[in-house]
Amino acid sequence: MNMDSRDNFKQTIFTYYKNISADLIPLTLLSSLCDKIADYYYDQYTRFRQQYPKSTKRYSAFQLKDIDHPQTKKIVVDFFKNELGTKYRDNSKLLLGMTDKELEDFEQWWYDFERL
């Protein structure tokens, strides 16, 4: 079974986030974010297909359930921090469906996680 292309990964991710953003995030910015997420997951799936040959089918096409992974959330937050500086919170909350408190809790959780 062949693996979907990186572009297919990106298109799935882009479509998902475009629907959530309701055009409140510029498409060029959203596209750049989706490039980063697609790159990360394409690399992960490629590695997992080699590491777990019995799971080839699972890692053949991007699965939207992976969007909820903490690593994806971290990529989103970091991307907007790098692109928008202190204004990262609004776009992060929009795409992640979080409140101010939930985003703050997530950032604290990630900070603690990295220091384990």
PDB file of N, CA and C in Angstrom:
ATOM      1  N   MET A   1       0.850  -1.179   0.000  1.00  0.00           N
ATOM      2  CA  MET A   1       0.000   0.000   0.000  1.00  0.00           C
ATOM      3  C   MET A   1       0.895   1.242   0.000  1.00  0.00           C
ATOM      4  N   ASN A   2       0.631   2.126  -0.943  1.00  0.00           N
ATOM      5  CA  ASN A   2       1.418   3.353  -1.052  1.00  0.00           C
ATOM      6  C   ASN A   2       0.949   4.392  -0.046  1.00  0.00           C
ATOM      7  N   MET A   3       1.877   5.258   0.288  1.00  0.00           N
ATOM      8  CA  MET A   3       1.569   6.352   1.202  1.00  0.00           C
ATOM      9  C   MET A   3       1.135   7.572   0.390  1.00  0.00           C
ATOM     10  N   ASP A   4       0.141   8.303   0.906  1.00  0.00           N
ATOM     11  CA  ASP A   4      -0.274   9.544   0.253  1.00  0.00           C
ATOM     12  C   ASP A   4       0.904  10.509   0.165  1.00  0.00           C
ATOM     13  N   SER A   5       0.828  11.421  -0.769  1.00  0.00           N
ATOM     14  CA  SER A   5       1.887  12.422  -0.920  1.00  0.00           C
ATOM     15  C   SER A   5       1.798  13.451   0.207  1.00  0.00           C
ATOM     16  N   ARG A   6       2.885  14.153   0.391  1.00  0.00           N
ATOM     17  CA  ARG A   6       2.920  15.229   1.379  1.00  0.00           C
ATOM     18  C   ARG A   6       1.859  16.274   1.040  1.00  0.00           C
ATOM     19  N   ASP A   7       1.654  16.521  -0.249  1.00  0.00           N
ATOM     20  CA  ASP A   7       0.640  17.491  -0.673  1.00  0.00           C
ATOM     21  C   ASP A   7      -0.772  17.045  -0.263  1.00  0.00           C
ATOM     22  N   ASN A   8      -1.024  15.755  -0.309  1.00  0.00           N
ATOM     23  CA  ASN A   8      -2.326  15.247   0.148  1.00  0.00           C
ATOM     24  C   ASN A   8      -2.481  15.465   1.653  1.00  0.00           C
ATOM     25  N   PHE A   9      -1.405  15.240   2.399  1.00  0.00           N
ATOM     26  CA  PHE A   9      -1.429  15.499   3.837  1.00  0.00           C
ATOM     27  C   PHE A   9      -1.798  16.966   4.061  1.00  0.00           C
ATOM     28  N   LYS A  10      -1.089  17.847   3.341  1.00  0.00           N
ATOM     29  CA  LYS A  10      -1.318  19.281   3.527  1.00  0.00           C
ATOM     30  C   LYS A  10      -2.745  19.660   3.172  1.00  0.00           C
ATOM     31  N   GLN A  11      -3.252  19.127   2.078  1.00  0.00           N
ATOM     32  CA  GLN A  11      -4.601  19.493   1.654  1.00  0.00           C
ATOM     33  C   GLN A  11      -5.637  19.082   2.700  1.00  0.00           C
ATOM     34  N   THR A  12      -5.479  17.925   3.293  1.00  0.00           N
ATOM     35  CA  THR A  12      -6.396  17.466   4.339  1.00  0.00           C
ATOM     36  C   THR A  12      -6.349  18.407   5.532  1.00  0.00           C
ATOM     37  N   ILE A  13      -5.148  18.760   5.947  1.00  0.00           N
ATOM     38  CA  ILE A  13      -4.954  19.646   7.098  1.00  0.00           C
ATOM     39  C   ILE A  13      -5.475  21.050   6.779  1.00  0.00           C
ATOM     40  N   PHE A  14      -5.154  21.544   5.591  1.00  0.00           N
ATOM     41  CA  PHE A  14      -5.564  22.885   5.185  1.00  0.00           C
ATOM     42  C   PHE A  14      -7.097  22.997   5.150  1.00  0.00           C
ATOM     43  N   THR A  15      -7.747  22.012   4.568  1.00  0.00           N
ATOM     44  CA  THR A  15      -9.209  22.017   4.481  1.00  0.00           C
ATOM     45  C   THR A  15      -9.828  22.039   5.868  1.00  0.00           C
ATOM     46  N   TYR A  16      -9.275  21.238   6.756  1.00  0.00           N
ATOM     47  CA  TYR A  16      -9.780  21.185   8.131  1.00  0.00           C
ATOM     48  C   TYR A  16      -9.670  22.554   8.813  1.00  0.00           C
ATOM     49  N   TYR A  17      -8.493  23.151   8.774  1.00  0.00           N
ATOM     50  CA  TYR A  17      -8.283  24.428   9.448  1.00  0.00           C
ATOM     51  C   TYR A  17      -8.979  25.593   8.730  1.00  0.00           C
ATOM     52  N   LYS A  18      -9.103  25.523   7.420  1.00  0.00           N
ATOM     53  CA  LYS A  18      -9.798  26.582   6.682  1.00  0.00           C
ATOM     54  C   LYS A  18     -11.264  26.628   7.116  1.00  0.00           C
ATOM     55  N   ASN A  19     -11.867  25.472   7.300  1.00  0.00           N
ATOM     56  CA  ASN A  19     -13.254  25.424   7.761  1.00  0.00           C
ATOM     57  C   ASN A  19     -13.396  26.011   9.165  1.00  0.00           C
ATOM     58  N   ILE A  20     -12.434  25.734  10.013  1.00  0.00           N
ATOM     59  CA  ILE A  20     -12.476  26.252  11.381  1.00  0.00           C
ATOM     60  C   ILE A  20     -12.248  27.762  11.399  1.00  0.00           C
ATOM     61  N   SER A  21     -11.308  28.225  10.598  1.00  0.00           N
ATOM     62  CA  SER A  21     -10.914  29.634  10.647  1.00  0.00           C
ATOM     63  C   SER A  21     -11.964  30.564  10.054  1.00  0.00           C
ATOM     64  N   ALA A  22     -12.864  30.038   9.238  1.00  0.00           N
ATOM     65  CA  ALA A  22     -13.916  30.853   8.625  1.00  0.00           C
ATOM     66  C   ALA A  22     -13.341  32.130   7.993  1.00  0.00           C
ATOM     67  N   ASP A  23     -12.206  31.986   7.345  1.00  0.00           N
ATOM     68  CA  ASP A  23     -11.532  33.096   6.655  1.00  0.00           C
ATOM     69  C   ASP A  23     -11.098  34.235   7.577  1.00  0.00           C
ATOM     70  N   LEU A  24     -10.981  33.975   8.874  1.00  0.00           N
ATOM     71  CA  LEU A  24     -10.494  34.988   9.814  1.00  0.00           C
ATOM     72  C   LEU A  24      -8.969  35.016   9.882  1.00  0.00           C
ATOM     73  N   ILE A  25      -8.338  34.005   9.315  1.00  0.00           N
ATOM     74  CA  ILE A  25      -6.874  33.940   9.252  1.00  0.00           C
ATOM     75  C   ILE A  25      -6.497  34.024   7.774  1.00  0.00           C
ATOM     76  N   PRO A  26      -5.577  34.912   7.403  1.00  0.00           N
ATOM     77  CA  PRO A  26      -5.179  35.025   5.992  1.00  0.00           C
ATOM     78  C   PRO A  26      -4.735  33.670   5.433  1.00  0.00           C
ATOM     79  N   LEU A  27      -5.157  33.377   4.212  1.00  0.00           N
ATOM     80  CA  LEU A  27      -4.866  32.069   3.608  1.00  0.00           C
ATOM     81  C   LEU A  27      -3.372  31.797   3.473  1.00  0.00           C
ATOM     82  N   THR A  28      -2.579  32.837   3.224  1.00  0.00           N
ATOM     83  CA  THR A  28      -1.130  32.618   3.098  1.00  0.00           C
ATOM     84  C   THR A  28      -0.543  32.180   4.444  1.00  0.00           C
ATOM     85  N   LEU A  29      -1.019  32.779   5.517  1.00  0.00           N
ATOM     86  CA  LEU A  29      -0.563  32.406   6.851  1.00  0.00           C
ATOM     87  C   LEU A  29      -1.018  30.995   7.193  1.00  0.00           C
ATOM     88  N   LEU A  30      -2.266  30.692   6.891  1.00  0.00           N
ATOM     89  CA  LEU A  30      -2.814  29.365   7.154  1.00  0.00           C
ATOM     90  C   LEU A  30      -2.075  28.305   6.333  1.00  0.00           C
ATOM     91  N   SER A  31      -1.774  28.628   5.095  1.00  0.00           N
ATOM     92  CA  SER A  31      -1.048  27.699   4.226  1.00  0.00           C
ATOM     93  C   SER A  31       0.347  27.402   4.769  1.00  0.00           C
ATOM     94  N   SER A  32       1.029  28.425   5.253  1.00  0.00           N
ATOM     95  CA  SER A  32       2.369  28.230   5.828  1.00  0.00           C
ATOM     96  C   SER A  32       2.312  27.348   7.073  1.00  0.00           C
ATOM     97  N   LEU A  33       1.301  27.571   7.900  1.00  0.00           N
ATOM     98  CA  LEU A  33       1.124  26.727   9.082  1.00  0.00           C
ATOM     99  C   LEU A  33       0.881  25.282   8.658  1.00  0.00           C
ATOM    100  N   CYS A  34       0.023  25.087   7.683  1.00  0.00           N
ATOM    101  CA  CYS A  34      -0.294  23.730   7.234  1.00  0.00           C
ATOM    102  C   CYS A  34       0.918  23.036   6.617  1.00  0.00           C
ATOM    103  N   ASP A  35       1.808  23.816   5.991  1.00  0.00           N
ATOM    104  CA  ASP A  35       3.069  23.248   5.496  1.00  0.00           C
ATOM    105  C   ASP A  35       3.870  22.651   6.651  1.00  0.00           C
ATOM    106  N   LYS A  36       3.972  23.385   7.738  1.00  0.00           N
ATOM    107  CA  LYS A  36       4.738  22.905   8.898  1.00  0.00           C
ATOM    108  C   LYS A  36       4.121  21.643   9.490  1.00  0.00           C
ATOM    109  N   ILE A  37       2.817  21.639   9.628  1.00  0.00           N
ATOM    110  CA  ILE A  37       2.142  20.466  10.196  1.00  0.00           C
ATOM    111  C   ILE A  37       2.262  19.274   9.253  1.00  0.00           C
ATOM    112  N   ALA A  38       2.073  19.510   7.963  1.00  0.00           N
ATOM    113  CA  ALA A  38       2.184  18.429   6.978  1.00  0.00           C
ATOM    114  C   ALA A  38       3.600  17.852   6.964  1.00  0.00           C
ATOM    115  N   ASP A  39       4.606  18.718   7.012  1.00  0.00           N
ATOM    116  CA  ASP A  39       5.995  18.237   7.049  1.00  0.00           C
ATOM    117  C   ASP A  39       6.225  17.348   8.259  1.00  0.00           C
ATOM    118  N   TYR A  40       5.767  17.806   9.410  1.00  0.00           N
ATOM    119  CA  TYR A  40       5.956  17.033  10.642  1.00  0.00           C
ATOM    120  C   TYR A  40       5.303  15.660  10.528  1.00  0.00           C
ATOM    121  N   TYR A  41       4.043  15.616  10.134  1.00  0.00           N
ATOM    122  CA  TYR A  41       3.335  14.338  10.094  1.00  0.00           C
ATOM    123  C   TYR A  41       3.784  13.453   8.943  1.00  0.00           C
ATOM    124  N   TYR A  42       4.157  14.029   7.826  1.00  0.00           N
ATOM    125  CA  TYR A  42       4.664  13.209   6.726  1.00  0.00           C
ATOM    126  C   TYR A  42       5.943  12.493   7.164  1.00  0.00           C
ATOM    127  N   ASP A  43       6.814  13.216   7.834  1.00  0.00           N
ATOM    128  CA  ASP A  43       8.042  12.597   8.353  1.00  0.00           C
ATOM    129  C   ASP A  43       7.724  11.525   9.391  1.00  0.00           C
ATOM    130  N   GLN A  44       6.779  11.817  10.288  1.00  0.00           N
ATOM    131  CA  GLN A  44       6.402  10.852  11.321  1.00  0.00           C
ATOM    132  C   GLN A  44       5.793   9.592  10.694  1.00  0.00           C
ATOM    133  N   TYR A  45       4.879   9.767   9.781  1.00  0.00           N
ATOM    134  CA  TYR A  45       4.224   8.611   9.149  1.00  0.00           C
ATOM    135  C   TYR A  45       5.245   7.775   8.376  1.00  0.00           C
ATOM    136  N   THR A  46       6.153   8.452   7.684  1.00  0.00           N
ATOM    137  CA  THR A  46       7.184   7.723   6.933  1.00  0.00           C
ATOM    138  C   THR A  46       8.020   6.867   7.882  1.00  0.00           C
ATOM    139  N   ARG A  47       8.401   7.447   9.002  1.00  0.00           N
ATOM    140  CA  ARG A  47       9.191   6.706   9.994  1.00  0.00           C
ATOM    141  C   ARG A  47       8.377   5.571  10.608  1.00  0.00           C
ATOM    142  N   PHE A  48       7.130   5.844  10.943  1.00  0.00           N
ATOM    143  CA  PHE A  48       6.292   4.820  11.574  1.00  0.00           C
ATOM    144  C   PHE A  48       6.009   3.657  10.619  1.00  0.00           C
ATOM    145  N   ARG A  49       5.875   3.936   9.336  1.00  0.00           N
ATOM    146  CA  ARG A  49       5.657   2.848   8.362  1.00  0.00           C
ATOM    147  C   ARG A  49       6.847   1.890   8.343  1.00  0.00           C
ATOM    148  N   GLN A  50       8.036   2.431   8.497  1.00  0.00           N
ATOM    149  CA  GLN A  50       9.227   1.582   8.528  1.00  0.00           C
ATOM    150  C   GLN A  50       9.362   0.881   9.868  1.00  0.00           C
ATOM    151  N   GLN A  51       9.043   1.592  10.924  1.00  0.00           N
ATOM    152  CA  GLN A  51       9.196   1.071  12.279  1.00  0.00           C
ATOM    153  C   GLN A  51       8.127   0.028  12.617  1.00  0.00           C
ATOM    154  N   TYR A  52       6.932   0.200  12.071  1.00  0.00           N
ATOM    155  CA  TYR A  52       5.809  -0.699  12.370  1.00  0.00           C
ATOM    156  C   TYR A  52       5.203  -1.215  11.061  1.00  0.00           C
ATOM    157  N   PRO A  53       5.853  -2.186  10.423  1.00  0.00           N
ATOM    158  CA  PRO A  53       5.395  -2.657   9.104  1.00  0.00           C
ATOM    159  C   PRO A  53       3.956  -3.207   9.108  1.00  0.00           C
ATOM    160  N   LYS A  54       3.480  -3.692  10.220  1.00  0.00           N
ATOM    161  CA  LYS A  54       2.111  -4.210  10.273  1.00  0.00           C
ATOM    162  C   LYS A  54       1.080  -3.077  10.294  1.00  0.00           C
ATOM    163  N   SER A  55       1.536  -1.859  10.505  1.00  0.00           N
ATOM    164  CA  SER A  55       0.634  -0.706  10.567  1.00  0.00           C
ATOM    165  C   SER A  55       0.721   0.166   9.312  1.00  0.00           C
ATOM    166  N   THR A  56       1.154  -0.413   8.225  1.00  0.00           N
ATOM    167  CA  THR A  56       1.316   0.336   6.980  1.00  0.00           C
ATOM    168  C   THR A  56       0.020   1.046   6.582  1.00  0.00           C
ATOM    169  N   LYS A  57      -1.107   0.353   6.715  1.00  0.00           N
ATOM    170  CA  LYS A  57      -2.391   0.953   6.330  1.00  0.00           C
ATOM    171  C   LYS A  57      -2.685   2.187   7.187  1.00  0.00           C
ATOM    172  N   ARG A  58      -2.446   2.099   8.483  1.00  0.00           N
ATOM    173  CA  ARG A  58      -2.702   3.216   9.408  1.00  0.00           C
ATOM    174  C   ARG A  58      -1.917   4.462   8.999  1.00  0.00           C
ATOM    175  N   TYR A  59      -0.707   4.246   8.529  1.00  0.00           N
ATOM    176  CA  TYR A  59       0.179   5.368   8.209  1.00  0.00           C
ATOM    177  C   TYR A  59       0.303   5.625   6.707  1.00  0.00           C
ATOM    178  N   SER A  60      -0.768   5.343   5.973  1.00  0.00           N
ATOM    179  CA  SER A  60      -0.760   5.568   4.527  1.00  0.00           C
ATOM    180  C   SER A  60      -1.366   6.904   4.138  1.00  0.00           C
ATOM    181  N   ALA A  61      -2.270   7.409   4.954  1.00  0.00           N
ATOM    182  CA  ALA A  61      -2.933   8.687   4.679  1.00  0.00           C
ATOM    183  C   ALA A  61      -3.097   9.424   5.998  1.00  0.00           C
ATOM    184  N   PHE A  62      -3.012  10.740   5.933  1.00  0.00           N
ATOM    185  CA  PHE A  62      -3.147  11.520   7.157  1.00  0.00           C
ATOM    186  C   PHE A  62      -4.527  11.319   7.762  1.00  0.00           C
ATOM    187  N   GLN A  63      -4.553  11.090   9.061  1.00  0.00           N
ATOM    188  CA  GLN A  63      -5.810  10.897   9.768  1.00  0.00           C
ATOM    189  C   GLN A  63      -6.072  12.112  10.646  1.00  0.00           C
ATOM    190  N   LEU A  64      -7.248  12.675  10.497  1.00  0.00           N
ATOM    191  CA  LEU A  64      -7.581  13.898  11.225  1.00  0.00           C
ATOM    192  C   LEU A  64      -7.555  13.731  12.739  1.00  0.00           C
ATOM    193  N   LYS A  65      -7.652  12.511  13.229  1.00  0.00           N
ATOM    194  CA  LYS A  65      -7.580  12.338  14.682  1.00  0.00           C
ATOM    195  C   LYS A  65      -6.220  12.790  15.218  1.00  0.00           C
ATOM    196  N   ASP A  66      -5.206  12.815  14.365  1.00  0.00           N
ATOM    197  CA  ASP A  66      -3.885  13.270  14.798  1.00  0.00           C
ATOM    198  C   ASP A  66      -3.830  14.786  15.001  1.00  0.00           C
ATOM    199  N   ILE A  67      -4.818  15.513  14.478  1.00  0.00           N
ATOM    200  CA  ILE A  67      -4.884  16.966  14.663  1.00  0.00           C
ATOM    201  C   ILE A  67      -4.989  17.308  16.152  1.00  0.00           C
ATOM    202  N   ASP A  68      -5.613  16.437  16.926  1.00  0.00           N
ATOM    203  CA  ASP A  68      -5.801  16.703  18.358  1.00  0.00           C
ATOM    204  C   ASP A  68      -4.589  16.342  19.208  1.00  0.00           C
ATOM    205  N   HIS A  69      -3.538  15.857  18.585  1.00  0.00           N
ATOM    206  CA  HIS A  69      -2.332  15.483  19.332  1.00  0.00           C
ATOM    207  C   HIS A  69      -1.675  16.749  19.900  1.00  0.00           C
ATOM    208  N   PRO A  70      -1.160  16.674  21.124  1.00  0.00           N
ATOM    209  CA  PRO A  70      -0.495  17.849  21.711  1.00  0.00           C
ATOM    210  C   PRO A  70       0.627  18.426  20.836  1.00  0.00           C
ATOM    211  N   GLN A  71       1.311  17.586  20.087  1.00  0.00           N
ATOM    212  CA  GLN A  71       2.382  18.089  19.225  1.00  0.00           C
ATOM    213  C   GLN A  71       1.827  19.023  18.156  1.00  0.00           C
ATOM    214  N   THR A  72       0.660  18.693  17.620  1.00  0.00           N
ATOM    215  CA  THR A  72       0.035  19.566  16.624  1.00  0.00           C
ATOM    216  C   THR A  72      -0.302  20.911  17.254  1.00  0.00           C
ATOM    217  N   LYS A  73      -0.852  20.869  18.447  1.00  0.00           N
ATOM    218  CA  LYS A  73      -1.195  22.108  19.150  1.00  0.00           C
ATOM    219  C   LYS A  73       0.051  22.948  19.386  1.00  0.00           C
ATOM    220  N   LYS A  74       1.145  22.286  19.732  1.00  0.00           N
ATOM    221  CA  LYS A  74       2.409  22.986  19.962  1.00  0.00           C
ATOM    222  C   LYS A  74       2.907  23.638  18.668  1.00  0.00           C
ATOM    223  N   ILE A  75       2.788  22.933  17.561  1.00  0.00           N
ATOM    224  CA  ILE A  75       3.206  23.491  16.270  1.00  0.00           C
ATOM    225  C   ILE A  75       2.385  24.739  15.958  1.00  0.00           C
ATOM    226  N   VAL A  76       1.075  24.673  16.190  1.00  0.00           N
ATOM    227  CA  VAL A  76       0.190  25.810  15.914  1.00  0.00           C
ATOM    228  C   VAL A  76       0.588  27.013  16.766  1.00  0.00           C
ATOM    229  N   VAL A  77       0.725  26.805  18.064  1.00  0.00           N
ATOM    230  CA  VAL A  77       1.055  27.905  18.975  1.00  0.00           C
ATOM    231  C   VAL A  77       2.419  28.493  18.633  1.00  0.00           C
ATOM    232  N   ASP A  78       3.413  27.649  18.434  1.00  0.00           N
ATOM    233  CA  ASP A  78       4.760  28.141  18.110  1.00  0.00           C
ATOM    234  C   ASP A  78       4.779  28.897  16.785  1.00  0.00           C
ATOM    235  N   PHE A  79       4.041  28.382  15.809  1.00  0.00           N
ATOM    236  CA  PHE A  79       3.999  29.045  14.509  1.00  0.00           C
ATOM    237  C   PHE A  79       3.459  30.469  14.655  1.00  0.00           C
ATOM    238  N   PHE A  80       2.334  30.599  15.328  1.00  0.00           N
ATOM    239  CA  PHE A  80       1.745  31.931  15.480  1.00  0.00           C
ATOM    240  C   PHE A  80       2.599  32.834  16.363  1.00  0.00           C
ATOM    241  N   LYS A  81       3.268  32.274  17.354  1.00  0.00           N
ATOM    242  CA  LYS A  81       4.190  33.089  18.165  1.00  0.00           C
ATOM    243  C   LYS A  81       5.301  33.654  17.282  1.00  0.00           C
ATOM    244  N   ASN A  82       5.851  32.821  16.418  1.00  0.00           N
ATOM    245  CA  ASN A  82       6.940  33.264  15.534  1.00  0.00           C
ATOM    246  C   ASN A  82       6.461  34.268  14.497  1.00  0.00           C
ATOM    247  N   GLU A  83       5.246  34.090  13.995  1.00  0.00           N
ATOM    248  CA  GLU A  83       4.736  34.955  12.936  1.00  0.00           C
ATOM    249  C   GLU A  83       4.083  36.235  13.461  1.00  0.00           C
ATOM    250  N   LEU A  84       3.424  36.144  14.612  1.00  0.00           N
ATOM    251  CA  LEU A  84       2.607  37.261  15.090  1.00  0.00           C
ATOM    252  C   LEU A  84       3.059  37.849  16.417  1.00  0.00           C
ATOM    253  N   GLY A  85       4.074  37.269  17.019  1.00  0.00           N
ATOM    254  CA  GLY A  85       4.551  37.771  18.303  1.00  0.00           C
ATOM    255  C   GLY A  85       3.475  37.670  19.371  1.00  0.00           C
ATOM    256  N   THR A  86       3.245  38.760  20.060  1.00  0.00           N
ATOM    257  CA  THR A  86       2.319  38.739  21.193  1.00  0.00           C
ATOM    258  C   THR A  86       0.858  38.579  20.762  1.00  0.00           C
ATOM    259  N   LYS A  87       0.569  38.690  19.479  1.00  0.00           N
ATOM    260  CA  LYS A  87      -0.812  38.551  18.992  1.00  0.00           C
ATOM    261  C   LYS A  87      -1.151  37.113  18.588  1.00  0.00           C
ATOM    262  N   TYR A  88      -0.317  36.174  19.000  1.00  0.00           N
ATOM    263  CA  TYR A  88      -0.496  34.773  18.611  1.00  0.00           C
ATOM    264  C   TYR A  88      -1.737  34.128  19.224  1.00  0.00           C
ATOM    265  N   ARG A  89      -2.176  34.636  20.349  1.00  0.00           N
ATOM    266  CA  ARG A  89      -3.222  33.967  21.122  1.00  0.00           C
ATOM    267  C   ARG A  89      -4.551  33.841  20.366  1.00  0.00           C
ATOM    268  N   ASP A  90      -4.976  34.901  19.698  1.00  0.00           N
ATOM    269  CA  ASP A  90      -6.282  34.875  19.029  1.00  0.00           C
ATOM    270  C   ASP A  90      -6.352  33.795  17.952  1.00  0.00           C
ATOM    271  N   ASN A  91      -5.341  33.740  17.094  1.00  0.00           N
ATOM    272  CA  ASN A  91      -5.343  32.731  16.035  1.00  0.00           C
ATOM    273  C   ASN A  91      -5.174  31.325  16.601  1.00  0.00           C
ATOM    274  N   SER A  92      -4.345  31.195  17.617  1.00  0.00           N
ATOM    275  CA  SER A  92      -4.154  29.882  18.248  1.00  0.00           C
ATOM    276  C   SER A  92      -5.465  29.386  18.850  1.00  0.00           C
ATOM    277  N   LYS A  93      -6.135  30.260  19.586  1.00  0.00           N
ATOM    278  CA  LYS A  93      -7.407  29.880  20.221  1.00  0.00           C
ATOM    279  C   LYS A  93      -8.457  29.522  19.171  1.00  0.00           C
ATOM    280  N   LEU A  94      -8.490  30.276  18.082  1.00  0.00           N
ATOM    281  CA  LEU A  94      -9.462  30.008  17.030  1.00  0.00           C
ATOM    282  C   LEU A  94      -9.258  28.612  16.435  1.00  0.00           C
ATOM    283  N   LEU A  95      -8.035  28.315  16.010  1.00  0.00           N
ATOM    284  CA  LEU A  95      -7.793  27.025  15.352  1.00  0.00           C
ATOM    285  C   LEU A  95      -7.867  25.846  16.317  1.00  0.00           C
ATOM    286  N   LEU A  96      -7.489  26.074  17.557  1.00  0.00           N
ATOM    287  CA  LEU A  96      -7.472  24.967  18.522  1.00  0.00           C
ATOM    288  C   LEU A  96      -8.777  24.852  19.298  1.00  0.00           C
ATOM    289  N   GLY A  97      -9.678  25.800  19.088  1.00  0.00           N
ATOM    290  CA  GLY A  97     -10.964  25.755  19.785  1.00  0.00           C
ATOM    291  C   GLY A  97     -10.811  25.881  21.284  1.00  0.00           C
ATOM    292  N   MET A  98      -9.921  26.765  21.700  1.00  0.00           N
ATOM    293  CA  MET A  98      -9.614  26.923  23.124  1.00  0.00           C
ATOM    294  C   MET A  98     -10.038  28.299  23.630  1.00  0.00           C
ATOM    295  N   THR A  99     -10.243  28.355  24.926  1.00  0.00           N
ATOM    296  CA  THR A  99     -10.454  29.635  25.602  1.00  0.00           C
ATOM    297  C   THR A  99      -9.088  30.160  26.032  1.00  0.00           C
ATOM    298  N   ASP A 100      -9.056  31.386  26.561  1.00  0.00           N
ATOM    299  CA  ASP A 100      -7.799  31.937  27.087  1.00  0.00           C
ATOM    300  C   ASP A 100      -7.210  31.004  28.140  1.00  0.00           C
ATOM    301  N   LYS A 101      -8.060  30.557  29.044  1.00  0.00           N
ATOM    302  CA  LYS A 101      -7.605  29.694  30.146  1.00  0.00           C
ATOM    303  C   LYS A 101      -7.090  28.355  29.618  1.00  0.00           C
ATOM    304  N   GLU A 102      -7.783  27.768  28.665  1.00  0.00           N
ATOM    305  CA  GLU A 102      -7.343  26.487  28.103  1.00  0.00           C
ATOM    306  C   GLU A 102      -6.001  26.626  27.391  1.00  0.00           C
ATOM    307  N   LEU A 103      -5.811  27.718  26.660  1.00  0.00           N
ATOM    308  CA  LEU A 103      -4.529  27.938  25.984  1.00  0.00           C
ATOM    309  C   LEU A 103      -3.430  28.147  27.009  1.00  0.00           C
ATOM    310  N   GLU A 104      -3.707  28.920  28.021  1.00  0.00           N
ATOM    311  CA  GLU A 104      -2.739  29.146  29.094  1.00  0.00           C
ATOM    312  C   GLU A 104      -2.379  27.828  29.784  1.00  0.00           C
ATOM    313  N   ASP A 105      -3.375  27.010  30.076  1.00  0.00           N
ATOM    314  CA  ASP A 105      -3.136  25.702  30.708  1.00  0.00           C
ATOM    315  C   ASP A 105      -2.314  24.794  29.802  1.00  0.00           C
ATOM    316  N   PHE A 106      -2.627  24.810  28.497  1.00  0.00           N
ATOM    317  CA  PHE A 106      -1.865  23.996  27.553  1.00  0.00           C
ATOM    318  C   PHE A 106      -0.409  24.424  27.519  1.00  0.00           C
ATOM    319  N   GLU A 107      -0.167  25.719  27.454  1.00  0.00           N
ATOM    320  CA  GLU A 107       1.214  26.215  27.410  1.00  0.00           C
ATOM    321  C   GLU A 107       1.964  25.846  28.694  1.00  0.00           C
ATOM    322  N   GLN A 108       1.303  25.919  29.821  1.00  0.00           N
ATOM    323  CA  GLN A 108       1.930  25.528  31.083  1.00  0.00           C
ATOM    324  C   GLN A 108       2.211  24.028  31.095  1.00  0.00           C
ATOM    325  N   TRP A 109       1.240  23.243  30.617  1.00  0.00           N
ATOM    326  CA  TRP A 109       1.421  21.791  30.561  1.00  0.00           C
ATOM    327  C   TRP A 109       2.617  21.441  29.679  1.00  0.00           C
ATOM    328  N   TRP A 110       2.735  22.095  28.514  1.00  0.00           N
ATOM    329  CA  TRP A 110       3.848  21.811  27.613  1.00  0.00           C
ATOM    330  C   TRP A 110       5.174  22.217  28.250  1.00  0.00           C
ATOM    331  N   TYR A 111       5.177  23.359  28.900  1.00  0.00           N
ATOM    332  CA  TYR A 111       6.382  23.819  29.581  1.00  0.00           C
ATOM    333  C   TYR A 111       6.818  22.773  30.608  1.00  0.00           C
ATOM    334  N   ASP A 112       5.881  22.297  31.411  1.00  0.00           N
ATOM    335  CA  ASP A 112       6.182  21.280  32.430  1.00  0.00           C
ATOM    336  C   ASP A 112       6.627  19.977  31.775  1.00  0.00           C
ATOM    337  N   PHE A 113       5.981  19.588  30.693  1.00  0.00           N
ATOM    338  CA  PHE A 113       6.299  18.356  29.974  1.00  0.00           C
ATOM    339  C   PHE A 113       7.736  18.373  29.472  1.00  0.00           C
ATOM    340  N   GLU A 114       8.168  19.491  28.928  1.00  0.00           N
ATOM    341  CA  GLU A 114       9.530  19.598  28.405  1.00  0.00           C
ATOM    342  C   GLU A 114      10.593  19.524  29.491  1.00  0.00           C
ATOM    343  N   ARG A 115      10.212  19.771  30.700  1.00  0.00           N
ATOM    344  CA  ARG A 115      11.185  19.764  31.790  1.00  0.00           C
ATOM    345  C   ARG A 115      11.201  18.456  32.573  1.00  0.00           C
ATOM    346  N   LEU A 116      10.440  17.466  32.120  1.00  0.00           N
ATOM    347  CA  LEU A 116      10.449  16.155  32.799  1.00  0.00           C
ATOM    348  C   LEU A 116      11.780  15.472  32.667  1.00  0.00           C
TER     349      LEU A 116
END
